[in-house]
N, C-alpha and C. Protein backbone atom coordinates (compact mmCIF):
# COMPACT_ATOMS: atom_id res chain seq x y z
N MET A 1 30.30 0.43 8.25
CA MET A 1 28.99 0.14 7.65
C MET A 1 29.07 -1.13 6.81
N THR A 2 28.17 -2.08 7.06
CA THR A 2 28.17 -3.31 6.29
C THR A 2 27.64 -3.05 4.89
N ASN A 3 27.85 -4.03 4.01
CA ASN A 3 27.36 -3.90 2.64
C ASN A 3 25.84 -3.73 2.62
N LYS A 4 25.13 -4.49 3.47
CA LYS A 4 23.67 -4.37 3.50
C LYS A 4 23.24 -3.00 3.99
N GLN A 5 23.92 -2.49 4.99
CA GLN A 5 23.60 -1.15 5.47
C GLN A 5 23.84 -0.11 4.39
N ALA A 6 24.92 -0.27 3.64
CA ALA A 6 25.23 0.67 2.56
C ALA A 6 24.15 0.63 1.48
N ILE A 7 23.67 -0.56 1.15
CA ILE A 7 22.62 -0.71 0.15
C ILE A 7 21.33 -0.03 0.61
N LEU A 8 20.99 -0.21 1.88
CA LEU A 8 19.80 0.43 2.42
C LEU A 8 19.91 1.95 2.38
N GLU A 9 21.09 2.47 2.71
CA GLU A 9 21.29 3.93 2.65
C GLU A 9 21.16 4.44 1.22
N LYS A 10 21.70 3.71 0.27
CA LYS A 10 21.56 4.09 -1.14
C LYS A 10 20.09 4.06 -1.57
N ALA A 11 19.38 3.05 -1.10
CA ALA A 11 17.97 2.93 -1.45
C ALA A 11 17.18 4.10 -0.89
N ARG A 12 17.45 4.47 0.36
CA ARG A 12 16.75 5.61 0.96
C ARG A 12 16.98 6.88 0.15
N ALA A 13 18.23 7.11 -0.21
CA ALA A 13 18.56 8.31 -0.97
C ALA A 13 17.89 8.30 -2.34
N TYR A 14 17.90 7.15 -2.98
CA TYR A 14 17.30 7.02 -4.32
C TYR A 14 15.80 7.24 -4.28
N VAL A 15 15.13 6.59 -3.34
CA VAL A 15 13.67 6.71 -3.26
C VAL A 15 13.26 8.12 -2.84
N PHE A 16 14.01 8.72 -1.92
CA PHE A 16 13.72 10.10 -1.53
C PHE A 16 13.81 11.02 -2.74
N GLN A 17 14.83 10.84 -3.54
CA GLN A 17 15.00 11.65 -4.75
C GLN A 17 13.83 11.45 -5.72
N GLU A 18 13.35 10.22 -5.84
CA GLU A 18 12.31 9.89 -6.79
C GLU A 18 10.91 10.33 -6.32
N LEU A 19 10.64 10.22 -5.02
CA LEU A 19 9.27 10.39 -4.54
C LEU A 19 9.04 11.56 -3.59
N ASN A 20 10.09 12.27 -3.20
CA ASN A 20 9.88 13.43 -2.34
C ASN A 20 9.05 14.48 -3.08
N GLY A 21 7.97 14.91 -2.46
CA GLY A 21 7.11 15.91 -3.09
C GLY A 21 6.02 15.32 -3.96
N GLU A 22 5.99 14.01 -4.13
CA GLU A 22 4.93 13.36 -4.90
C GLU A 22 3.60 13.60 -4.18
N VAL A 23 2.53 13.92 -4.93
CA VAL A 23 1.32 14.45 -4.29
C VAL A 23 0.12 13.51 -4.32
N SER A 24 0.29 12.26 -4.74
CA SER A 24 -0.85 11.36 -4.84
C SER A 24 -1.06 10.51 -3.59
N GLY A 25 -0.22 10.71 -2.57
CA GLY A 25 -0.29 9.87 -1.38
C GLY A 25 0.71 8.73 -1.41
N HIS A 26 1.53 8.67 -2.46
CA HIS A 26 2.57 7.64 -2.58
C HIS A 26 3.95 8.30 -2.49
N ASP A 27 4.06 9.24 -1.58
CA ASP A 27 5.26 10.05 -1.47
C ASP A 27 6.30 9.39 -0.56
N TRP A 28 7.42 10.12 -0.35
CA TRP A 28 8.50 9.60 0.49
C TRP A 28 8.01 9.27 1.89
N TRP A 29 7.11 10.05 2.45
CA TRP A 29 6.69 9.80 3.83
C TRP A 29 5.81 8.57 3.96
N HIS A 30 5.10 8.23 2.90
CA HIS A 30 4.43 6.93 2.86
C HIS A 30 5.47 5.82 2.92
N ILE A 31 6.51 5.94 2.13
CA ILE A 31 7.59 4.95 2.13
C ILE A 31 8.23 4.86 3.51
N HIS A 32 8.49 6.00 4.11
CA HIS A 32 9.11 6.05 5.44
C HIS A 32 8.25 5.31 6.46
N ARG A 33 6.95 5.57 6.46
CA ARG A 33 6.06 4.90 7.42
C ARG A 33 5.99 3.41 7.17
N VAL A 34 5.84 3.02 5.91
CA VAL A 34 5.75 1.59 5.58
C VAL A 34 7.03 0.86 5.96
N THR A 35 8.16 1.49 5.72
CA THR A 35 9.44 0.87 6.08
C THR A 35 9.56 0.67 7.58
N ASN A 36 9.17 1.66 8.35
CA ASN A 36 9.20 1.53 9.81
C ASN A 36 8.25 0.44 10.29
N LEU A 37 7.06 0.39 9.71
CA LEU A 37 6.11 -0.66 10.07
C LEU A 37 6.64 -2.04 9.70
N ALA A 38 7.23 -2.15 8.52
CA ALA A 38 7.78 -3.43 8.07
C ALA A 38 8.88 -3.90 9.01
N ARG A 39 9.71 -2.97 9.44
CA ARG A 39 10.79 -3.34 10.37
C ARG A 39 10.21 -3.82 11.69
N THR A 40 9.20 -3.13 12.20
CA THR A 40 8.56 -3.53 13.46
C THR A 40 7.93 -4.91 13.36
N ILE A 41 7.17 -5.13 12.28
CA ILE A 41 6.50 -6.42 12.10
C ILE A 41 7.51 -7.53 11.89
N ALA A 42 8.54 -7.26 11.09
CA ALA A 42 9.57 -8.28 10.81
C ALA A 42 10.27 -8.73 12.08
N GLN A 43 10.58 -7.79 12.96
CA GLN A 43 11.25 -8.14 14.21
C GLN A 43 10.38 -9.05 15.07
N LYS A 44 9.08 -8.78 15.10
CA LYS A 44 8.17 -9.58 15.93
C LYS A 44 7.84 -10.92 15.30
N GLU A 45 7.87 -10.98 13.97
CA GLU A 45 7.48 -12.21 13.27
C GLU A 45 8.67 -13.07 12.88
N GLY A 46 9.89 -12.56 13.10
CA GLY A 46 11.08 -13.35 12.78
C GLY A 46 11.43 -13.39 11.30
N ALA A 47 11.09 -12.34 10.57
CA ALA A 47 11.39 -12.28 9.14
C ALA A 47 12.77 -11.65 8.91
N ASP A 48 13.27 -11.78 7.70
CA ASP A 48 14.57 -11.22 7.31
C ASP A 48 14.44 -9.69 7.24
N LEU A 49 15.10 -8.99 8.14
CA LEU A 49 14.96 -7.54 8.23
C LEU A 49 15.46 -6.83 6.98
N PHE A 50 16.57 -7.29 6.43
CA PHE A 50 17.14 -6.63 5.25
C PHE A 50 16.19 -6.71 4.06
N ILE A 51 15.67 -7.90 3.79
CA ILE A 51 14.74 -8.08 2.67
C ILE A 51 13.49 -7.23 2.87
N CYS A 52 12.95 -7.27 4.08
CA CYS A 52 11.72 -6.50 4.36
C CYS A 52 11.95 -5.01 4.19
N GLU A 53 13.05 -4.51 4.75
CA GLU A 53 13.29 -3.07 4.68
C GLU A 53 13.56 -2.61 3.26
N LEU A 54 14.36 -3.37 2.52
CA LEU A 54 14.67 -2.95 1.15
C LEU A 54 13.43 -3.03 0.25
N ALA A 55 12.65 -4.08 0.39
CA ALA A 55 11.42 -4.19 -0.42
C ALA A 55 10.45 -3.07 -0.07
N ALA A 56 10.34 -2.74 1.21
CA ALA A 56 9.46 -1.65 1.62
C ALA A 56 9.93 -0.31 1.04
N LEU A 57 11.21 -0.08 1.06
CA LEU A 57 11.75 1.17 0.51
C LEU A 57 11.47 1.30 -0.99
N LEU A 58 11.57 0.21 -1.72
CA LEU A 58 11.51 0.26 -3.18
C LEU A 58 10.12 -0.01 -3.75
N HIS A 59 9.16 -0.42 -2.92
CA HIS A 59 7.94 -1.01 -3.47
C HIS A 59 7.13 -0.08 -4.38
N ASP A 60 7.06 1.20 -4.08
CA ASP A 60 6.22 2.08 -4.90
C ASP A 60 6.91 2.59 -6.15
N LEU A 61 8.21 2.36 -6.28
CA LEU A 61 8.89 2.78 -7.50
C LEU A 61 8.37 2.01 -8.71
N ALA A 62 7.78 0.84 -8.46
CA ALA A 62 7.26 0.02 -9.56
C ALA A 62 5.76 0.19 -9.76
N ASP A 63 5.12 1.00 -8.94
CA ASP A 63 3.66 1.12 -9.00
C ASP A 63 3.21 1.65 -10.35
N GLY A 64 2.20 0.98 -10.91
CA GLY A 64 1.70 1.40 -12.22
C GLY A 64 1.11 2.80 -12.22
N LYS A 65 0.70 3.28 -11.03
CA LYS A 65 0.14 4.64 -10.96
C LYS A 65 1.23 5.70 -11.08
N LEU A 66 2.49 5.31 -10.86
CA LEU A 66 3.58 6.27 -10.87
C LEU A 66 4.51 6.08 -12.06
N ASN A 67 4.16 5.17 -12.96
CA ASN A 67 4.97 4.89 -14.14
C ASN A 67 4.07 4.81 -15.36
N GLU A 68 4.68 4.89 -16.52
CA GLU A 68 3.90 4.75 -17.76
C GLU A 68 3.20 3.40 -17.79
N THR A 69 3.90 2.35 -17.36
CA THR A 69 3.31 1.03 -17.18
C THR A 69 3.96 0.38 -15.96
N GLU A 70 3.29 -0.63 -15.41
CA GLU A 70 3.88 -1.35 -14.28
C GLU A 70 5.15 -2.08 -14.70
N ALA A 71 5.18 -2.59 -15.93
CA ALA A 71 6.37 -3.31 -16.41
C ALA A 71 7.59 -2.39 -16.42
N ILE A 72 7.40 -1.14 -16.81
CA ILE A 72 8.50 -0.18 -16.81
C ILE A 72 8.98 0.07 -15.38
N GLY A 73 8.03 0.19 -14.45
CA GLY A 73 8.39 0.39 -13.06
C GLY A 73 9.15 -0.78 -12.48
N LEU A 74 8.70 -1.99 -12.79
CA LEU A 74 9.39 -3.18 -12.29
C LEU A 74 10.81 -3.27 -12.84
N GLN A 75 10.96 -2.93 -14.11
CA GLN A 75 12.29 -2.97 -14.71
C GLN A 75 13.21 -1.94 -14.06
N LYS A 76 12.67 -0.80 -13.69
CA LYS A 76 13.46 0.23 -13.01
C LYS A 76 14.02 -0.30 -11.69
N VAL A 77 13.17 -1.00 -10.93
CA VAL A 77 13.61 -1.57 -9.66
C VAL A 77 14.63 -2.68 -9.89
N GLN A 78 14.35 -3.56 -10.86
CA GLN A 78 15.26 -4.66 -11.18
C GLN A 78 16.64 -4.13 -11.54
N THR A 79 16.68 -3.08 -12.34
CA THR A 79 17.95 -2.49 -12.76
C THR A 79 18.70 -1.93 -11.56
N TRP A 80 18.00 -1.25 -10.66
CA TRP A 80 18.64 -0.68 -9.48
C TRP A 80 19.24 -1.77 -8.61
N LEU A 81 18.51 -2.84 -8.42
CA LEU A 81 19.02 -3.95 -7.60
C LEU A 81 20.28 -4.55 -8.20
N ALA A 82 20.27 -4.73 -9.50
CA ALA A 82 21.42 -5.33 -10.17
C ALA A 82 22.64 -4.42 -10.10
N ILE A 83 22.43 -3.13 -10.35
CA ILE A 83 23.53 -2.17 -10.33
C ILE A 83 24.17 -2.10 -8.95
N ASN A 84 23.34 -2.26 -7.92
CA ASN A 84 23.84 -2.12 -6.56
C ASN A 84 24.30 -3.44 -5.94
N GLY A 85 24.47 -4.44 -6.77
CA GLY A 85 25.21 -5.63 -6.37
C GLY A 85 24.51 -6.62 -5.47
N LEU A 86 23.19 -6.65 -5.47
CA LEU A 86 22.50 -7.64 -4.66
C LEU A 86 22.68 -9.04 -5.26
N GLU A 87 22.75 -10.02 -4.39
CA GLU A 87 22.81 -11.39 -4.86
C GLU A 87 21.54 -11.72 -5.63
N THR A 88 21.68 -12.59 -6.63
CA THR A 88 20.55 -12.92 -7.49
C THR A 88 19.35 -13.42 -6.69
N GLN A 89 19.60 -14.22 -5.68
CA GLN A 89 18.52 -14.77 -4.86
C GLN A 89 17.75 -13.65 -4.16
N ASP A 90 18.48 -12.66 -3.64
CA ASP A 90 17.82 -11.53 -2.98
C ASP A 90 17.08 -10.65 -3.98
N GLN A 91 17.67 -10.46 -5.16
CA GLN A 91 16.97 -9.70 -6.21
C GLN A 91 15.64 -10.35 -6.54
N ASP A 92 15.66 -11.66 -6.76
CA ASP A 92 14.45 -12.38 -7.13
C ASP A 92 13.40 -12.30 -6.02
N HIS A 93 13.86 -12.40 -4.78
CA HIS A 93 12.93 -12.36 -3.64
C HIS A 93 12.25 -10.99 -3.56
N ILE A 94 13.02 -9.94 -3.66
CA ILE A 94 12.47 -8.58 -3.57
C ILE A 94 11.54 -8.29 -4.74
N MET A 95 11.92 -8.71 -5.94
CA MET A 95 11.06 -8.48 -7.10
C MET A 95 9.75 -9.25 -6.96
N ASP A 96 9.80 -10.45 -6.43
CA ASP A 96 8.59 -11.23 -6.23
C ASP A 96 7.65 -10.53 -5.24
N ILE A 97 8.22 -9.97 -4.18
CA ILE A 97 7.42 -9.24 -3.20
C ILE A 97 6.74 -8.03 -3.85
N ILE A 98 7.53 -7.23 -4.53
CA ILE A 98 7.01 -5.98 -5.11
C ILE A 98 5.96 -6.27 -6.18
N GLU A 99 6.18 -7.30 -6.97
CA GLU A 99 5.26 -7.61 -8.07
C GLU A 99 3.89 -8.05 -7.56
N HIS A 100 3.85 -8.69 -6.39
CA HIS A 100 2.59 -9.25 -5.89
C HIS A 100 2.04 -8.51 -4.67
N LEU A 101 2.58 -7.35 -4.39
CA LEU A 101 2.24 -6.62 -3.16
C LEU A 101 0.89 -5.90 -3.23
N SER A 102 0.59 -5.31 -4.36
CA SER A 102 -0.51 -4.35 -4.47
C SER A 102 -1.87 -5.01 -4.33
N PHE A 103 -2.84 -4.23 -3.85
CA PHE A 103 -4.22 -4.71 -3.66
C PHE A 103 -4.89 -5.05 -5.00
N LYS A 104 -4.77 -4.16 -5.99
CA LYS A 104 -5.24 -4.38 -7.35
C LYS A 104 -6.69 -4.86 -7.43
N GLY A 105 -7.53 -4.28 -6.60
CA GLY A 105 -8.92 -4.67 -6.61
C GLY A 105 -9.24 -5.83 -5.69
N GLY A 106 -8.20 -6.45 -5.12
CA GLY A 106 -8.39 -7.52 -4.16
C GLY A 106 -8.72 -8.86 -4.77
N ASN A 107 -8.62 -9.01 -6.09
CA ASN A 107 -9.01 -10.26 -6.74
C ASN A 107 -7.86 -10.95 -7.45
N GLN A 108 -6.62 -10.53 -7.18
CA GLN A 108 -5.50 -11.16 -7.86
C GLN A 108 -5.35 -12.61 -7.40
N THR A 109 -5.02 -13.47 -8.36
CA THR A 109 -4.90 -14.90 -8.06
C THR A 109 -3.55 -15.24 -7.45
N GLN A 110 -2.53 -14.43 -7.72
CA GLN A 110 -1.20 -14.66 -7.15
C GLN A 110 -0.95 -13.65 -6.03
N THR A 111 -0.47 -14.12 -4.92
CA THR A 111 -0.19 -13.25 -3.78
C THR A 111 1.24 -13.46 -3.31
N VAL A 112 1.64 -12.67 -2.32
CA VAL A 112 2.98 -12.82 -1.78
C VAL A 112 3.16 -14.23 -1.21
N SER A 113 4.32 -14.80 -1.43
CA SER A 113 4.51 -16.23 -1.13
C SER A 113 5.48 -16.49 0.02
N THR A 114 6.08 -15.44 0.59
CA THR A 114 7.04 -15.63 1.67
C THR A 114 6.65 -14.79 2.88
N LEU A 115 7.23 -15.11 4.02
CA LEU A 115 6.97 -14.33 5.23
C LEU A 115 7.36 -12.88 5.02
N GLU A 116 8.49 -12.65 4.36
CA GLU A 116 8.93 -11.28 4.12
C GLU A 116 7.92 -10.53 3.25
N GLY A 117 7.37 -11.20 2.25
CA GLY A 117 6.34 -10.58 1.42
C GLY A 117 5.09 -10.25 2.22
N GLN A 118 4.72 -11.15 3.10
CA GLN A 118 3.56 -10.91 3.96
C GLN A 118 3.79 -9.71 4.87
N VAL A 119 4.99 -9.59 5.40
CA VAL A 119 5.32 -8.47 6.28
C VAL A 119 5.21 -7.14 5.54
N VAL A 120 5.79 -7.05 4.37
CA VAL A 120 5.79 -5.78 3.62
C VAL A 120 4.37 -5.47 3.13
N GLN A 121 3.64 -6.47 2.70
CA GLN A 121 2.26 -6.24 2.29
C GLN A 121 1.41 -5.74 3.45
N ASP A 122 1.59 -6.34 4.62
CA ASP A 122 0.86 -5.88 5.81
C ASP A 122 1.21 -4.44 6.15
N ALA A 123 2.49 -4.10 6.08
CA ALA A 123 2.92 -2.74 6.40
C ALA A 123 2.30 -1.73 5.43
N ASP A 124 2.29 -2.07 4.16
CA ASP A 124 1.71 -1.19 3.15
C ASP A 124 0.21 -1.03 3.38
N ARG A 125 -0.46 -2.12 3.73
CA ARG A 125 -1.90 -2.06 3.96
C ARG A 125 -2.24 -1.30 5.24
N LEU A 126 -1.41 -1.42 6.25
CA LEU A 126 -1.65 -0.66 7.48
C LEU A 126 -1.60 0.84 7.22
N ASP A 127 -0.78 1.27 6.27
CA ASP A 127 -0.70 2.70 5.97
C ASP A 127 -1.88 3.17 5.13
N ALA A 128 -2.76 2.25 4.74
CA ALA A 128 -4.00 2.62 4.07
C ALA A 128 -5.18 2.64 5.04
N LEU A 129 -4.90 2.42 6.31
CA LEU A 129 -5.95 2.41 7.33
C LEU A 129 -5.81 3.60 8.26
N GLY A 130 -6.83 3.83 9.08
CA GLY A 130 -6.77 4.86 10.10
C GLY A 130 -6.72 6.26 9.53
N ALA A 131 -6.26 7.19 10.36
CA ALA A 131 -6.24 8.60 9.97
C ALA A 131 -5.39 8.84 8.73
N ILE A 132 -4.23 8.19 8.68
CA ILE A 132 -3.35 8.41 7.53
C ILE A 132 -3.95 7.82 6.26
N GLY A 133 -4.66 6.69 6.39
CA GLY A 133 -5.31 6.10 5.23
C GLY A 133 -6.39 7.01 4.66
N ILE A 134 -7.13 7.67 5.54
CA ILE A 134 -8.16 8.62 5.09
C ILE A 134 -7.50 9.81 4.40
N ALA A 135 -6.45 10.33 5.00
CA ALA A 135 -5.74 11.47 4.40
C ALA A 135 -5.21 11.11 3.02
N ARG A 136 -4.65 9.91 2.89
CA ARG A 136 -4.10 9.48 1.60
C ARG A 136 -5.21 9.29 0.56
N THR A 137 -6.35 8.77 1.00
CA THR A 137 -7.48 8.59 0.09
C THR A 137 -7.95 9.93 -0.45
N MET A 138 -8.05 10.92 0.41
CA MET A 138 -8.50 12.24 -0.03
C MET A 138 -7.45 12.92 -0.91
N ALA A 139 -6.17 12.73 -0.56
CA ALA A 139 -5.11 13.31 -1.39
C ALA A 139 -5.13 12.70 -2.79
N TYR A 140 -5.29 11.38 -2.86
CA TYR A 140 -5.32 10.72 -4.17
C TYR A 140 -6.55 11.13 -4.96
N SER A 141 -7.67 11.29 -4.26
CA SER A 141 -8.89 11.70 -4.93
C SER A 141 -8.75 13.09 -5.55
N GLY A 142 -8.16 14.00 -4.79
CA GLY A 142 -7.91 15.34 -5.32
C GLY A 142 -6.94 15.31 -6.49
N HIS A 143 -5.91 14.47 -6.37
CA HIS A 143 -4.89 14.35 -7.41
C HIS A 143 -5.47 13.86 -8.73
N THR A 144 -6.44 12.94 -8.65
CA THR A 144 -6.99 12.33 -9.85
C THR A 144 -8.33 12.93 -10.28
N GLY A 145 -8.84 13.91 -9.52
CA GLY A 145 -10.11 14.50 -9.86
C GLY A 145 -11.30 13.66 -9.47
N ARG A 146 -11.10 12.74 -8.56
CA ARG A 146 -12.17 11.87 -8.09
C ARG A 146 -13.00 12.61 -7.04
N PRO A 147 -14.35 12.63 -7.15
CA PRO A 147 -15.16 13.34 -6.15
C PRO A 147 -15.11 12.66 -4.79
N ILE A 148 -15.43 13.41 -3.75
CA ILE A 148 -15.49 12.83 -2.41
C ILE A 148 -16.63 11.84 -2.32
N HIS A 149 -17.81 12.24 -2.77
CA HIS A 149 -18.98 11.39 -2.60
C HIS A 149 -20.03 11.71 -3.64
N ASP A 150 -20.69 10.68 -4.13
CA ASP A 150 -21.83 10.83 -5.03
C ASP A 150 -22.85 9.77 -4.63
N PRO A 151 -23.98 10.18 -4.03
CA PRO A 151 -24.97 9.20 -3.56
C PRO A 151 -25.49 8.27 -4.65
N ALA A 152 -25.39 8.69 -5.90
CA ALA A 152 -25.90 7.85 -6.99
C ALA A 152 -24.95 6.71 -7.35
N MET A 153 -23.71 6.78 -6.86
CA MET A 153 -22.71 5.76 -7.19
C MET A 153 -22.58 4.78 -6.04
N GLN A 154 -22.58 3.50 -6.35
CA GLN A 154 -22.53 2.44 -5.35
C GLN A 154 -21.22 1.67 -5.46
N PRO A 155 -20.71 1.14 -4.34
CA PRO A 155 -19.48 0.33 -4.39
C PRO A 155 -19.64 -0.87 -5.31
N ARG A 156 -18.56 -1.22 -5.96
CA ARG A 156 -18.56 -2.33 -6.91
C ARG A 156 -17.92 -3.56 -6.28
N GLU A 157 -18.38 -4.73 -6.67
CA GLU A 157 -17.82 -5.99 -6.17
C GLU A 157 -17.11 -6.72 -7.30
N GLN A 158 -16.18 -7.59 -6.93
CA GLN A 158 -15.45 -8.42 -7.89
C GLN A 158 -14.86 -7.59 -9.02
N LEU A 159 -14.10 -6.57 -8.64
CA LEU A 159 -13.53 -5.66 -9.63
C LEU A 159 -12.36 -6.29 -10.37
N THR A 160 -12.29 -6.05 -11.67
CA THR A 160 -11.07 -6.34 -12.41
C THR A 160 -10.07 -5.22 -12.12
N LEU A 161 -8.81 -5.44 -12.45
CA LEU A 161 -7.81 -4.39 -12.26
C LEU A 161 -8.16 -3.15 -13.07
N GLU A 162 -8.66 -3.36 -14.28
CA GLU A 162 -9.01 -2.23 -15.13
C GLU A 162 -10.15 -1.42 -14.50
N GLU A 163 -11.15 -2.11 -13.96
CA GLU A 163 -12.26 -1.42 -13.31
C GLU A 163 -11.79 -0.70 -12.05
N TYR A 164 -10.92 -1.36 -11.29
CA TYR A 164 -10.43 -0.80 -10.04
C TYR A 164 -9.68 0.51 -10.28
N ARG A 165 -8.94 0.57 -11.39
CA ARG A 165 -8.11 1.75 -11.67
C ARG A 165 -8.75 2.68 -12.71
N SER A 166 -10.03 2.47 -13.01
CA SER A 166 -10.67 3.25 -14.07
C SER A 166 -10.97 4.68 -13.65
N GLY A 167 -11.01 4.95 -12.34
CA GLY A 167 -11.38 6.27 -11.87
C GLY A 167 -12.87 6.49 -11.79
N GLN A 168 -13.66 5.45 -12.06
CA GLN A 168 -15.12 5.57 -12.02
C GLN A 168 -15.63 5.28 -10.61
N ASP A 169 -15.15 6.06 -9.65
CA ASP A 169 -15.55 5.85 -8.27
C ASP A 169 -15.42 7.16 -7.50
N THR A 170 -15.63 7.11 -6.20
CA THR A 170 -15.49 8.27 -5.34
C THR A 170 -14.59 7.91 -4.17
N ALA A 171 -14.18 8.92 -3.41
CA ALA A 171 -13.35 8.66 -2.24
C ALA A 171 -14.08 7.76 -1.25
N ILE A 172 -15.36 8.02 -1.02
CA ILE A 172 -16.12 7.21 -0.07
C ILE A 172 -16.32 5.79 -0.59
N MET A 173 -16.53 5.61 -1.87
CA MET A 173 -16.61 4.27 -2.43
C MET A 173 -15.33 3.48 -2.16
N HIS A 174 -14.19 4.16 -2.16
CA HIS A 174 -12.90 3.50 -1.96
C HIS A 174 -12.82 2.86 -0.56
N PHE A 175 -13.50 3.44 0.42
CA PHE A 175 -13.55 2.82 1.74
C PHE A 175 -14.13 1.40 1.64
N TYR A 176 -15.21 1.28 0.86
CA TYR A 176 -15.93 0.01 0.78
C TYR A 176 -15.26 -0.97 -0.19
N GLU A 177 -14.63 -0.43 -1.22
CA GLU A 177 -13.99 -1.29 -2.21
C GLU A 177 -12.61 -1.77 -1.78
N LYS A 178 -12.01 -1.07 -0.81
CA LYS A 178 -10.68 -1.49 -0.36
C LYS A 178 -10.48 -1.36 1.14
N LEU A 179 -10.54 -0.13 1.67
CA LEU A 179 -10.03 0.14 3.01
C LEU A 179 -10.68 -0.73 4.09
N LEU A 180 -12.00 -0.87 4.06
CA LEU A 180 -12.69 -1.63 5.09
C LEU A 180 -12.45 -3.13 4.97
N LYS A 181 -11.89 -3.57 3.86
CA LYS A 181 -11.59 -4.99 3.66
C LYS A 181 -10.21 -5.39 4.20
N LEU A 182 -9.36 -4.41 4.44
CA LEU A 182 -7.96 -4.72 4.71
C LEU A 182 -7.73 -5.39 6.06
N LYS A 183 -8.50 -5.04 7.07
CA LYS A 183 -8.30 -5.63 8.40
C LYS A 183 -8.33 -7.15 8.35
N ASP A 184 -9.25 -7.70 7.57
CA ASP A 184 -9.40 -9.15 7.50
C ASP A 184 -8.47 -9.80 6.49
N ARG A 185 -7.63 -8.98 5.85
CA ARG A 185 -6.69 -9.52 4.86
C ARG A 185 -5.23 -9.37 5.30
N MET A 186 -5.03 -9.01 6.56
CA MET A 186 -3.67 -8.98 7.09
C MET A 186 -3.12 -10.40 7.20
N ASN A 187 -1.85 -10.54 6.96
CA ASN A 187 -1.22 -11.86 6.96
C ASN A 187 -0.69 -12.28 8.32
N THR A 188 -0.05 -11.36 9.03
CA THR A 188 0.67 -11.70 10.26
C THR A 188 -0.15 -11.35 11.50
N THR A 189 0.15 -12.04 12.56
CA THR A 189 -0.52 -11.78 13.83
C THR A 189 -0.27 -10.35 14.29
N THR A 190 0.95 -9.89 14.14
CA THR A 190 1.29 -8.52 14.56
C THR A 190 0.46 -7.49 13.81
N ALA A 191 0.35 -7.64 12.51
CA ALA A 191 -0.41 -6.68 11.70
C ALA A 191 -1.90 -6.75 12.01
N LYS A 192 -2.41 -7.95 12.26
CA LYS A 192 -3.82 -8.08 12.61
C LYS A 192 -4.13 -7.29 13.88
N GLU A 193 -3.21 -7.31 14.83
CA GLU A 193 -3.40 -6.55 16.07
C GLU A 193 -3.33 -5.05 15.80
N LEU A 194 -2.37 -4.63 14.99
CA LEU A 194 -2.21 -3.21 14.69
C LEU A 194 -3.38 -2.67 13.87
N ALA A 195 -4.01 -3.53 13.09
CA ALA A 195 -5.07 -3.08 12.20
C ALA A 195 -6.37 -2.76 12.94
N GLN A 196 -6.57 -3.34 14.11
CA GLN A 196 -7.85 -3.20 14.79
C GLN A 196 -8.22 -1.75 15.05
N GLU A 197 -7.34 -1.02 15.69
CA GLU A 197 -7.64 0.37 16.05
C GLU A 197 -7.78 1.24 14.80
N ARG A 198 -6.93 0.98 13.81
CA ARG A 198 -6.99 1.78 12.58
C ARG A 198 -8.31 1.53 11.84
N HIS A 199 -8.75 0.28 11.83
CA HIS A 199 -10.03 -0.03 11.19
C HIS A 199 -11.18 0.66 11.92
N GLN A 200 -11.13 0.65 13.23
CA GLN A 200 -12.18 1.30 14.01
C GLN A 200 -12.24 2.79 13.70
N PHE A 201 -11.11 3.40 13.45
CA PHE A 201 -11.09 4.82 13.11
C PHE A 201 -11.82 5.06 11.79
N LEU A 202 -11.66 4.15 10.83
CA LEU A 202 -12.41 4.28 9.57
C LEU A 202 -13.90 4.25 9.82
N GLU A 203 -14.35 3.33 10.67
CA GLU A 203 -15.77 3.22 10.96
C GLU A 203 -16.29 4.48 11.66
N THR A 204 -15.50 4.99 12.59
CA THR A 204 -15.89 6.22 13.29
C THR A 204 -16.00 7.39 12.31
N TYR A 205 -15.04 7.48 11.40
CA TYR A 205 -15.07 8.54 10.39
C TYR A 205 -16.33 8.46 9.55
N LEU A 206 -16.69 7.27 9.10
CA LEU A 206 -17.87 7.11 8.26
C LEU A 206 -19.15 7.40 9.03
N GLU A 207 -19.18 7.04 10.30
CA GLU A 207 -20.34 7.37 11.13
C GLU A 207 -20.56 8.88 11.19
N GLN A 208 -19.46 9.62 11.35
CA GLN A 208 -19.56 11.07 11.38
C GLN A 208 -19.91 11.61 9.99
N PHE A 209 -19.35 11.02 8.96
CA PHE A 209 -19.62 11.47 7.60
C PHE A 209 -21.11 11.35 7.28
N TYR A 210 -21.71 10.24 7.70
CA TYR A 210 -23.12 10.02 7.44
C TYR A 210 -24.04 10.63 8.50
N GLY A 211 -23.47 11.22 9.53
CA GLY A 211 -24.30 11.77 10.59
C GLY A 211 -24.72 10.72 11.60
N LYS A 212 -23.75 9.87 12.02
CA LYS A 212 -23.98 8.85 13.04
C LYS A 212 -24.87 7.70 12.59
N ARG A 213 -25.06 7.51 11.28
CA ARG A 213 -25.84 6.37 10.83
C ARG A 213 -24.96 5.11 10.83
N PRO A 214 -25.54 3.93 10.88
CA PRO A 214 -24.74 2.70 10.82
C PRO A 214 -24.07 2.57 9.47
N ILE A 215 -22.92 1.86 9.43
CA ILE A 215 -22.18 1.76 8.18
C ILE A 215 -22.07 0.31 7.70
N THR A 216 -22.96 -0.55 8.18
CA THR A 216 -22.90 -1.94 7.75
C THR A 216 -23.21 -2.08 6.27
N ARG A 217 -23.88 -1.09 5.72
CA ARG A 217 -24.09 -1.07 4.28
C ARG A 217 -23.91 0.36 3.80
N TYR A 218 -23.78 0.52 2.54
CA TYR A 218 -23.53 1.82 1.95
C TYR A 218 -24.79 2.66 2.00
N LEU A 219 -24.74 3.78 2.71
CA LEU A 219 -25.91 4.64 2.86
C LEU A 219 -25.58 6.02 2.29
N PRO A 220 -26.29 6.46 1.29
CA PRO A 220 -26.03 7.80 0.73
C PRO A 220 -26.53 8.90 1.64
N ILE A 221 -25.96 10.06 1.46
CA ILE A 221 -26.44 11.24 2.20
C ILE A 221 -27.74 11.72 1.58
N LYS A 222 -28.72 12.06 2.40
CA LYS A 222 -29.99 12.57 1.92
C LYS A 222 -30.08 14.09 2.14
């Protein structure tokens, strides 16, 4: 086993220990899917497989939703990388990816700056689409006490991070504030292709939710 393979195995064990059984939709199986997607996209796009796989494995350990603060989560990842002997250049690359990966309302001014960052971001966003994206949205809504739908509440535009994470929304609003936007925000050609069918599934779901009405705009249930 090479040193890189050993590091990846340690990362898998560490993340499984930390996130197995997590109930907000950011569990080990989310990590497993994102890592597999990142590996697939990286191979087709010519990205560094080791960086992509390790960043995908570790990305949610720093998530502000799973830590007291995002800074604490980032420090946890930084410490793990240092303890496990990664070269400084690789540490910096992975931390840069993880720090700029999240959607955060879609209005962040800084985004991923490398091909590897684009690959991992695409993989994470693909897992927010399609059937699994709907399941994760409902799981997170139940976890946080967010209602499925309220006709009186409308999707918000130009959200700040504080507004995006305020909990003042519904599961159906989340489709319009994030999920339906992701197809057009994929970075790589491979991810853009993979996103098409998953995006269509979201539209089909909403058509059934509304009773076959069009979904070009937000329509409440009557």
